[in-house]
Amino acid sequence: MKRWERWSLNSLSLILAVTGFVYLWMKYLMEPPDPFAVVNHPWQTAMLNLHVIASPLFILVFGIAFNSHVMRKLGAPRLPNRLSGYVSLGSFAVMVLSGYLLQVTTSDWWLQALVVVHIAGGALFTLVYAAHLVISLSLARTRQEARAGSPIGELA
């Protein structure tokens, strides 16, 4: 994966995770100061707008990374972070599909179900993708140490 792809994917993932969880907190966990307020916090609408605007960019960059990274790794021998990659891919699909359906659903029952699915998919993606990055960094560090000829674990 190219540096700009990795940087874009990680940055947009962070933006979506932060705006999504902040919006969740503002909408469902805060009490409005005014009982007649439409929103619970003045920044609630801005968080949702940023989340919705950044989402298509994230999907585009994810598709580019899928082409340059995931497709290449599918044929590779079993890797230590393959499971986190598959779970990230699956939770990405759930998160994206539920996010789009949230915008067009009119039924209250479906809306509530999609909110739960979207939150669960987003939380799972965030946690597993973060684990995938940590594992990948650890593997890259191990490879770099092996190339340098130093024994693994000796960082004095």
N, C-alpha and C. Protein backbone atom coordinates (compact mmCIF):
# COMPACT_ATOMS: atom_id res chain seq x y z
N MET A 1 0.85 -1.17 0.00
CA MET A 1 0.00 0.00 0.00
C MET A 1 0.90 1.23 0.00
N LYS A 2 0.52 2.21 -0.79
CA LYS A 2 1.32 3.43 -0.87
C LYS A 2 1.13 4.27 0.39
N ARG A 3 2.11 5.12 0.65
CA ARG A 3 2.09 5.95 1.85
C ARG A 3 0.83 6.83 1.92
N TRP A 4 0.46 7.47 0.82
CA TRP A 4 -0.71 8.35 0.82
C TRP A 4 -1.99 7.56 1.06
N GLU A 5 -2.05 6.31 0.57
CA GLU A 5 -3.22 5.47 0.83
C GLU A 5 -3.35 5.15 2.31
N ARG A 6 -2.22 4.75 2.90
CA ARG A 6 -2.22 4.41 4.33
C ARG A 6 -2.57 5.64 5.16
N TRP A 7 -1.96 6.78 4.84
CA TRP A 7 -2.22 7.99 5.59
C TRP A 7 -3.69 8.41 5.46
N SER A 8 -4.22 8.37 4.24
CA SER A 8 -5.61 8.76 4.00
C SER A 8 -6.57 7.82 4.71
N LEU A 9 -6.33 6.52 4.61
CA LEU A 9 -7.22 5.55 5.24
C LEU A 9 -7.20 5.71 6.76
N ASN A 10 -6.02 5.85 7.32
CA ASN A 10 -5.92 6.00 8.78
C ASN A 10 -6.53 7.32 9.24
N SER A 11 -6.28 8.40 8.52
CA SER A 11 -6.84 9.71 8.91
C SER A 11 -8.35 9.71 8.83
N LEU A 12 -8.89 9.20 7.73
CA LEU A 12 -10.35 9.17 7.59
C LEU A 12 -10.99 8.22 8.58
N SER A 13 -10.33 7.11 8.88
CA SER A 13 -10.84 6.19 9.92
C SER A 13 -10.92 6.90 11.26
N LEU A 14 -9.89 7.66 11.58
CA LEU A 14 -9.88 8.40 12.84
C LEU A 14 -10.97 9.46 12.87
N ILE A 15 -11.12 10.21 11.77
CA ILE A 15 -12.16 11.24 11.70
C ILE A 15 -13.54 10.62 11.88
N LEU A 16 -13.80 9.51 11.20
CA LEU A 16 -15.11 8.86 11.31
C LEU A 16 -15.34 8.29 12.70
N ALA A 17 -14.31 7.69 13.29
CA ALA A 17 -14.47 7.14 14.63
C ALA A 17 -14.75 8.25 15.64
N VAL A 18 -13.98 9.32 15.59
CA VAL A 18 -14.17 10.42 16.55
C VAL A 18 -15.53 11.08 16.37
N THR A 19 -15.87 11.44 15.12
CA THR A 19 -17.15 12.12 14.91
C THR A 19 -18.32 11.19 15.22
N GLY A 20 -18.18 9.91 14.90
CA GLY A 20 -19.25 8.95 15.19
C GLY A 20 -19.48 8.76 16.68
N PHE A 21 -18.40 8.57 17.43
CA PHE A 21 -18.55 8.35 18.86
C PHE A 21 -18.94 9.62 19.61
N VAL A 22 -18.44 10.77 19.16
CA VAL A 22 -18.85 12.04 19.78
C VAL A 22 -20.33 12.31 19.50
N TYR A 23 -20.76 12.05 18.26
CA TYR A 23 -22.18 12.22 17.94
C TYR A 23 -23.04 11.27 18.76
N LEU A 24 -22.62 10.02 18.89
CA LEU A 24 -23.33 9.04 19.72
C LEU A 24 -23.48 9.55 21.15
N TRP A 25 -22.40 10.06 21.70
CA TRP A 25 -22.42 10.58 23.07
C TRP A 25 -23.37 11.77 23.17
N MET A 26 -23.29 12.69 22.21
CA MET A 26 -24.13 13.88 22.26
C MET A 26 -25.61 13.54 22.09
N LYS A 27 -25.92 12.66 21.17
CA LYS A 27 -27.32 12.36 20.86
C LYS A 27 -27.99 11.48 21.91
N TYR A 28 -27.29 10.46 22.39
CA TYR A 28 -27.94 9.46 23.24
C TYR A 28 -27.56 9.54 24.72
N LEU A 29 -26.47 10.20 25.05
CA LEU A 29 -26.02 10.18 26.44
C LEU A 29 -26.06 11.53 27.13
N MET A 30 -26.32 12.60 26.39
CA MET A 30 -26.37 13.94 26.99
C MET A 30 -27.82 14.37 27.20
N GLU A 31 -27.99 15.23 28.18
CA GLU A 31 -29.29 15.86 28.43
C GLU A 31 -29.22 17.29 27.91
N PRO A 32 -30.22 17.73 27.16
CA PRO A 32 -30.18 19.12 26.68
C PRO A 32 -30.42 20.10 27.84
N PRO A 33 -29.77 21.27 27.80
CA PRO A 33 -29.97 22.24 28.87
C PRO A 33 -31.40 22.82 28.84
N ASP A 34 -31.98 22.86 27.67
CA ASP A 34 -33.34 23.38 27.50
C ASP A 34 -34.26 22.21 27.17
N PRO A 35 -35.34 22.02 27.90
CA PRO A 35 -36.22 20.87 27.63
C PRO A 35 -36.87 20.93 26.24
N PHE A 36 -36.89 22.10 25.61
CA PHE A 36 -37.48 22.23 24.28
C PHE A 36 -36.43 22.25 23.17
N ALA A 37 -35.19 21.94 23.50
CA ALA A 37 -34.11 21.96 22.51
C ALA A 37 -34.28 20.82 21.51
N VAL A 38 -33.91 21.07 20.28
CA VAL A 38 -33.98 20.06 19.23
C VAL A 38 -32.76 19.13 19.31
N VAL A 39 -31.62 19.68 19.72
CA VAL A 39 -30.40 18.89 19.85
C VAL A 39 -29.91 18.96 21.30
N ASN A 40 -29.12 17.98 21.68
CA ASN A 40 -28.62 17.92 23.06
C ASN A 40 -27.37 18.76 23.27
N HIS A 41 -26.68 19.08 22.18
CA HIS A 41 -25.44 19.85 22.28
C HIS A 41 -25.32 20.71 21.02
N PRO A 42 -24.79 21.93 21.14
CA PRO A 42 -24.68 22.80 19.96
C PRO A 42 -23.84 22.22 18.82
N TRP A 43 -22.89 21.35 19.12
CA TRP A 43 -22.02 20.78 18.09
C TRP A 43 -22.56 19.46 17.52
N GLN A 44 -23.70 19.02 17.98
CA GLN A 44 -24.25 17.73 17.55
C GLN A 44 -24.46 17.68 16.03
N THR A 45 -25.05 18.70 15.46
CA THR A 45 -25.28 18.75 14.02
C THR A 45 -23.97 18.79 13.25
N ALA A 46 -23.00 19.53 13.73
CA ALA A 46 -21.69 19.61 13.06
C ALA A 46 -21.00 18.24 13.05
N MET A 47 -21.09 17.50 14.15
CA MET A 47 -20.48 16.17 14.22
C MET A 47 -21.13 15.24 13.20
N LEU A 48 -22.45 15.26 13.13
CA LEU A 48 -23.14 14.41 12.17
C LEU A 48 -22.79 14.81 10.74
N ASN A 49 -22.77 16.11 10.45
CA ASN A 49 -22.43 16.58 9.10
C ASN A 49 -21.02 16.16 8.70
N LEU A 50 -20.06 16.34 9.58
CA LEU A 50 -18.68 15.94 9.27
C LEU A 50 -18.59 14.43 9.07
N HIS A 51 -19.31 13.68 9.87
CA HIS A 51 -19.32 12.22 9.76
C HIS A 51 -19.88 11.80 8.40
N VAL A 52 -20.99 12.41 8.01
CA VAL A 52 -21.64 12.05 6.73
C VAL A 52 -20.80 12.52 5.54
N ILE A 53 -20.17 13.67 5.64
CA ILE A 53 -19.35 14.19 4.54
C ILE A 53 -18.07 13.37 4.38
N ALA A 54 -17.45 12.95 5.47
CA ALA A 54 -16.20 12.18 5.40
C ALA A 54 -16.43 10.73 4.97
N SER A 55 -17.63 10.22 5.15
CA SER A 55 -17.90 8.80 4.85
C SER A 55 -17.65 8.41 3.40
N PRO A 56 -18.15 9.15 2.40
CA PRO A 56 -17.87 8.74 1.02
C PRO A 56 -16.38 8.78 0.68
N LEU A 57 -15.66 9.73 1.24
CA LEU A 57 -14.21 9.79 1.02
C LEU A 57 -13.53 8.54 1.61
N PHE A 58 -13.98 8.16 2.80
CA PHE A 58 -13.45 6.96 3.44
C PHE A 58 -13.74 5.71 2.60
N ILE A 59 -14.95 5.63 2.07
CA ILE A 59 -15.32 4.47 1.26
C ILE A 59 -14.46 4.43 -0.01
N LEU A 60 -14.22 5.57 -0.62
CA LEU A 60 -13.36 5.64 -1.81
C LEU A 60 -11.94 5.18 -1.48
N VAL A 61 -11.37 5.72 -0.42
CA VAL A 61 -10.00 5.35 -0.05
C VAL A 61 -9.93 3.89 0.37
N PHE A 62 -10.98 3.40 1.04
CA PHE A 62 -11.01 1.99 1.41
C PHE A 62 -11.00 1.12 0.16
N GLY A 63 -11.74 1.52 -0.87
CA GLY A 63 -11.74 0.78 -2.12
C GLY A 63 -10.38 0.77 -2.78
N ILE A 64 -9.69 1.89 -2.75
CA ILE A 64 -8.34 1.97 -3.31
C ILE A 64 -7.40 1.06 -2.52
N ALA A 65 -7.50 1.11 -1.20
CA ALA A 65 -6.66 0.25 -0.35
C ALA A 65 -7.02 -1.22 -0.54
N PHE A 66 -8.30 -1.49 -0.76
CA PHE A 66 -8.72 -2.87 -1.01
C PHE A 66 -8.02 -3.40 -2.26
N ASN A 67 -7.98 -2.57 -3.29
CA ASN A 67 -7.35 -2.97 -4.54
C ASN A 67 -5.84 -3.16 -4.38
N SER A 68 -5.18 -2.24 -3.68
CA SER A 68 -3.72 -2.31 -3.60
C SER A 68 -3.20 -3.16 -2.44
N HIS A 69 -4.01 -3.39 -1.42
CA HIS A 69 -3.52 -4.10 -0.24
C HIS A 69 -4.21 -5.45 -0.05
N VAL A 70 -5.52 -5.41 0.04
CA VAL A 70 -6.27 -6.64 0.38
C VAL A 70 -6.17 -7.67 -0.74
N MET A 71 -6.35 -7.25 -1.96
CA MET A 71 -6.30 -8.20 -3.08
C MET A 71 -4.93 -8.87 -3.17
N ARG A 72 -3.88 -8.13 -2.84
CA ARG A 72 -2.52 -8.68 -2.88
C ARG A 72 -2.32 -9.69 -1.73
N LYS A 73 -2.92 -9.42 -0.59
CA LYS A 73 -2.73 -10.28 0.58
C LYS A 73 -3.59 -11.53 0.55
N LEU A 74 -4.66 -11.54 -0.24
CA LEU A 74 -5.54 -12.71 -0.27
C LEU A 74 -4.82 -13.97 -0.74
N GLY A 75 -3.91 -13.84 -1.67
CA GLY A 75 -3.18 -14.99 -2.18
C GLY A 75 -1.92 -15.32 -1.41
N ALA A 76 -1.57 -14.49 -0.45
CA ALA A 76 -0.33 -14.69 0.31
C ALA A 76 -0.51 -15.83 1.32
N PRO A 77 0.60 -16.40 1.78
CA PRO A 77 0.49 -17.42 2.83
C PRO A 77 -0.12 -16.83 4.09
N ARG A 78 -0.56 -17.70 4.95
CA ARG A 78 -1.26 -17.26 6.17
C ARG A 78 -0.40 -16.27 6.96
N LEU A 79 -0.98 -15.10 7.23
CA LEU A 79 -0.29 -14.04 7.95
C LEU A 79 -0.89 -13.87 9.34
N PRO A 80 -0.10 -13.40 10.32
CA PRO A 80 -0.60 -13.26 11.69
C PRO A 80 -1.78 -12.28 11.82
N ASN A 81 -1.89 -11.32 10.93
CA ASN A 81 -2.97 -10.34 11.07
C ASN A 81 -4.08 -10.55 10.05
N ARG A 82 -4.17 -11.73 9.49
CA ARG A 82 -5.21 -12.02 8.51
C ARG A 82 -6.60 -11.98 9.14
N LEU A 83 -6.75 -12.52 10.34
CA LEU A 83 -8.06 -12.53 10.99
C LEU A 83 -8.55 -11.11 11.25
N SER A 84 -7.68 -10.25 11.74
CA SER A 84 -8.10 -8.86 11.97
C SER A 84 -8.43 -8.17 10.65
N GLY A 85 -7.77 -8.54 9.58
CA GLY A 85 -8.09 -7.99 8.26
C GLY A 85 -9.46 -8.44 7.79
N TYR A 86 -9.77 -9.72 7.96
CA TYR A 86 -11.09 -10.22 7.55
C TYR A 86 -12.21 -9.61 8.39
N VAL A 87 -11.99 -9.50 9.69
CA VAL A 87 -13.03 -8.91 10.55
C VAL A 87 -13.20 -7.43 10.22
N SER A 88 -12.11 -6.74 9.94
CA SER A 88 -12.21 -5.33 9.51
C SER A 88 -13.02 -5.22 8.23
N LEU A 89 -12.76 -6.10 7.29
CA LEU A 89 -13.48 -6.08 6.02
C LEU A 89 -14.97 -6.34 6.23
N GLY A 90 -15.31 -7.33 7.04
CA GLY A 90 -16.72 -7.65 7.30
C GLY A 90 -17.44 -6.54 8.05
N SER A 91 -16.79 -6.00 9.07
CA SER A 91 -17.43 -4.93 9.85
C SER A 91 -17.53 -3.65 9.02
N PHE A 92 -16.59 -3.44 8.09
CA PHE A 92 -16.67 -2.31 7.17
C PHE A 92 -17.95 -2.42 6.34
N ALA A 93 -18.21 -3.61 5.80
CA ALA A 93 -19.40 -3.81 4.98
C ALA A 93 -20.68 -3.55 5.78
N VAL A 94 -20.73 -4.05 7.00
CA VAL A 94 -21.91 -3.84 7.86
C VAL A 94 -22.07 -2.35 8.18
N MET A 95 -20.98 -1.70 8.51
CA MET A 95 -20.99 -0.28 8.87
C MET A 95 -21.47 0.57 7.69
N VAL A 96 -20.95 0.31 6.50
CA VAL A 96 -21.31 1.11 5.32
C VAL A 96 -22.76 0.87 4.92
N LEU A 97 -23.17 -0.37 4.86
CA LEU A 97 -24.54 -0.67 4.45
C LEU A 97 -25.55 -0.08 5.43
N SER A 98 -25.31 -0.26 6.71
CA SER A 98 -26.24 0.30 7.70
C SER A 98 -26.22 1.83 7.69
N GLY A 99 -25.05 2.42 7.44
CA GLY A 99 -24.96 3.88 7.37
C GLY A 99 -25.77 4.45 6.22
N TYR A 100 -25.71 3.81 5.08
CA TYR A 100 -26.51 4.28 3.94
C TYR A 100 -27.99 4.05 4.19
N LEU A 101 -28.35 2.90 4.73
CA LEU A 101 -29.76 2.63 4.98
C LEU A 101 -30.34 3.55 6.04
N LEU A 102 -29.53 4.00 6.99
CA LEU A 102 -29.99 4.96 8.00
C LEU A 102 -30.52 6.24 7.37
N GLN A 103 -29.96 6.62 6.25
CA GLN A 103 -30.33 7.88 5.61
C GLN A 103 -31.63 7.81 4.82
N VAL A 104 -32.09 6.60 4.51
CA VAL A 104 -33.30 6.47 3.70
C VAL A 104 -34.44 5.76 4.40
N THR A 105 -34.22 5.26 5.60
CA THR A 105 -35.25 4.52 6.33
C THR A 105 -36.27 5.47 6.93
N THR A 106 -37.53 5.11 6.80
CA THR A 106 -38.60 5.93 7.38
C THR A 106 -39.31 5.21 8.52
N SER A 107 -39.20 3.91 8.61
CA SER A 107 -39.84 3.13 9.67
C SER A 107 -39.07 3.29 10.98
N ASP A 108 -39.77 3.58 12.05
CA ASP A 108 -39.11 3.74 13.36
C ASP A 108 -38.42 2.46 13.80
N TRP A 109 -39.06 1.31 13.58
CA TRP A 109 -38.46 0.05 14.00
C TRP A 109 -37.16 -0.20 13.25
N TRP A 110 -37.17 -0.03 11.91
CA TRP A 110 -35.97 -0.23 11.12
C TRP A 110 -34.89 0.78 11.49
N LEU A 111 -35.30 2.00 11.76
CA LEU A 111 -34.34 3.04 12.14
C LEU A 111 -33.61 2.65 13.42
N GLN A 112 -34.35 2.20 14.43
CA GLN A 112 -33.73 1.78 15.68
C GLN A 112 -32.79 0.59 15.47
N ALA A 113 -33.24 -0.38 14.67
CA ALA A 113 -32.40 -1.56 14.40
C ALA A 113 -31.13 -1.16 13.66
N LEU A 114 -31.25 -0.28 12.68
CA LEU A 114 -30.09 0.16 11.91
C LEU A 114 -29.12 0.98 12.75
N VAL A 115 -29.63 1.78 13.68
CA VAL A 115 -28.76 2.53 14.58
C VAL A 115 -27.91 1.56 15.40
N VAL A 116 -28.53 0.53 15.95
CA VAL A 116 -27.80 -0.46 16.75
C VAL A 116 -26.76 -1.18 15.89
N VAL A 117 -27.15 -1.60 14.69
CA VAL A 117 -26.23 -2.30 13.80
C VAL A 117 -25.07 -1.39 13.39
N HIS A 118 -25.38 -0.12 13.08
CA HIS A 118 -24.34 0.82 12.66
C HIS A 118 -23.35 1.10 13.79
N ILE A 119 -23.86 1.30 14.99
CA ILE A 119 -22.98 1.54 16.14
C ILE A 119 -22.11 0.32 16.41
N ALA A 120 -22.73 -0.86 16.38
CA ALA A 120 -21.95 -2.09 16.63
C ALA A 120 -20.91 -2.31 15.53
N GLY A 121 -21.32 -2.14 14.28
CA GLY A 121 -20.37 -2.31 13.17
C GLY A 121 -19.25 -1.30 13.22
N GLY A 122 -19.58 -0.04 13.53
CA GLY A 122 -18.55 1.00 13.62
C GLY A 122 -17.59 0.77 14.77
N ALA A 123 -18.13 0.38 15.92
CA ALA A 123 -17.27 0.11 17.08
C ALA A 123 -16.36 -1.09 16.81
N LEU A 124 -16.94 -2.15 16.23
CA LEU A 124 -16.12 -3.33 15.91
C LEU A 124 -15.05 -2.98 14.89
N PHE A 125 -15.41 -2.24 13.84
CA PHE A 125 -14.41 -1.86 12.85
C PHE A 125 -13.29 -1.05 13.49
N THR A 126 -13.66 -0.07 14.32
CA THR A 126 -12.65 0.79 14.95
C THR A 126 -11.68 -0.02 15.80
N LEU A 127 -12.21 -0.92 16.62
CA LEU A 127 -11.35 -1.72 17.50
C LEU A 127 -10.48 -2.70 16.72
N VAL A 128 -11.08 -3.40 15.77
CA VAL A 128 -10.33 -4.43 15.03
C VAL A 128 -9.34 -3.79 14.06
N TYR A 129 -9.72 -2.67 13.43
CA TYR A 129 -8.79 -2.00 12.53
C TYR A 129 -7.59 -1.45 13.32
N ALA A 130 -7.84 -0.94 14.52
CA ALA A 130 -6.73 -0.48 15.36
C ALA A 130 -5.81 -1.65 15.72
N ALA A 131 -6.40 -2.79 16.04
CA ALA A 131 -5.59 -3.98 16.33
C ALA A 131 -4.81 -4.41 15.09
N HIS A 132 -5.44 -4.34 13.93
CA HIS A 132 -4.77 -4.69 12.66
C HIS A 132 -3.55 -3.79 12.44
N LEU A 133 -3.70 -2.50 12.73
CA LEU A 133 -2.57 -1.57 12.58
C LEU A 133 -1.45 -1.89 13.56
N VAL A 134 -1.79 -2.19 14.81
CA VAL A 134 -0.77 -2.51 15.81
C VAL A 134 -0.02 -3.78 15.42
N ILE A 135 -0.75 -4.80 14.98
CA ILE A 135 -0.11 -6.04 14.55
C ILE A 135 0.79 -5.78 13.34
N SER A 136 0.30 -4.99 12.39
CA SER A 136 1.09 -4.68 11.20
C SER A 136 2.37 -3.93 11.55
N LEU A 137 2.27 -2.97 12.45
CA LEU A 137 3.47 -2.23 12.88
C LEU A 137 4.47 -3.16 13.56
N SER A 138 3.96 -4.07 14.38
CA SER A 138 4.84 -5.02 15.06
C SER A 138 5.53 -5.94 14.05
N LEU A 139 4.78 -6.41 13.06
CA LEU A 139 5.38 -7.26 12.02
C LEU A 139 6.42 -6.50 11.21
N ALA A 140 6.14 -5.25 10.88
CA ALA A 140 7.09 -4.43 10.12
C ALA A 140 8.36 -4.19 10.93
N ARG A 141 8.21 -3.94 12.22
CA ARG A 141 9.38 -3.73 13.08
C ARG A 141 10.21 -5.00 13.16
N THR A 142 9.56 -6.15 13.28
CA THR A 142 10.27 -7.42 13.34
C THR A 142 11.03 -7.68 12.04
N ARG A 143 10.39 -7.40 10.90
CA ARG A 143 11.06 -7.57 9.60
C ARG A 143 12.25 -6.64 9.47
N GLN A 144 12.09 -5.41 9.94
CA GLN A 144 13.18 -4.44 9.85
C GLN A 144 14.37 -4.88 10.71
N GLU A 145 14.08 -5.40 11.89
CA GLU A 145 15.16 -5.89 12.77
C GLU A 145 15.86 -7.09 12.16
N ALA A 146 15.07 -7.96 11.53
CA ALA A 146 15.66 -9.15 10.89
C ALA A 146 16.57 -8.74 9.73
N ARG A 147 16.15 -7.73 8.96
CA ARG A 147 16.96 -7.25 7.84
C ARG A 147 18.25 -6.59 8.33
N ALA A 148 18.17 -5.92 9.47
CA ALA A 148 19.34 -5.22 10.00
C ALA A 148 20.32 -6.21 10.65
N GLY A 149 19.89 -7.45 10.85
CA GLY A 149 20.77 -8.44 11.42
C GLY A 149 20.79 -8.47 12.92
N SER A 150 19.98 -7.68 13.56
CA SER A 150 19.95 -7.70 15.02
C SER A 150 18.96 -8.75 15.49
N PRO A 151 19.26 -9.40 16.61
CA PRO A 151 18.32 -10.38 17.14
C PRO A 151 17.02 -9.68 17.58
N ILE A 152 15.93 -10.37 17.42
CA ILE A 152 14.63 -9.84 17.80
C ILE A 152 14.59 -9.68 19.32
N GLY A 153 14.15 -8.54 19.73
CA GLY A 153 13.99 -8.31 21.17
C GLY A 153 15.12 -7.50 21.77
N GLU A 154 16.24 -7.36 21.10
CA GLU A 154 17.35 -6.58 21.66
C GLU A 154 17.25 -5.14 21.18
N LEU A 155 16.67 -4.34 22.00
CA LEU A 155 16.58 -2.90 21.70
C LEU A 155 17.21 -2.14 22.86
N ALA A 156 18.52 -2.11 22.89
CA ALA A 156 19.21 -1.47 24.00
C ALA A 156 19.54 -0.05 23.71
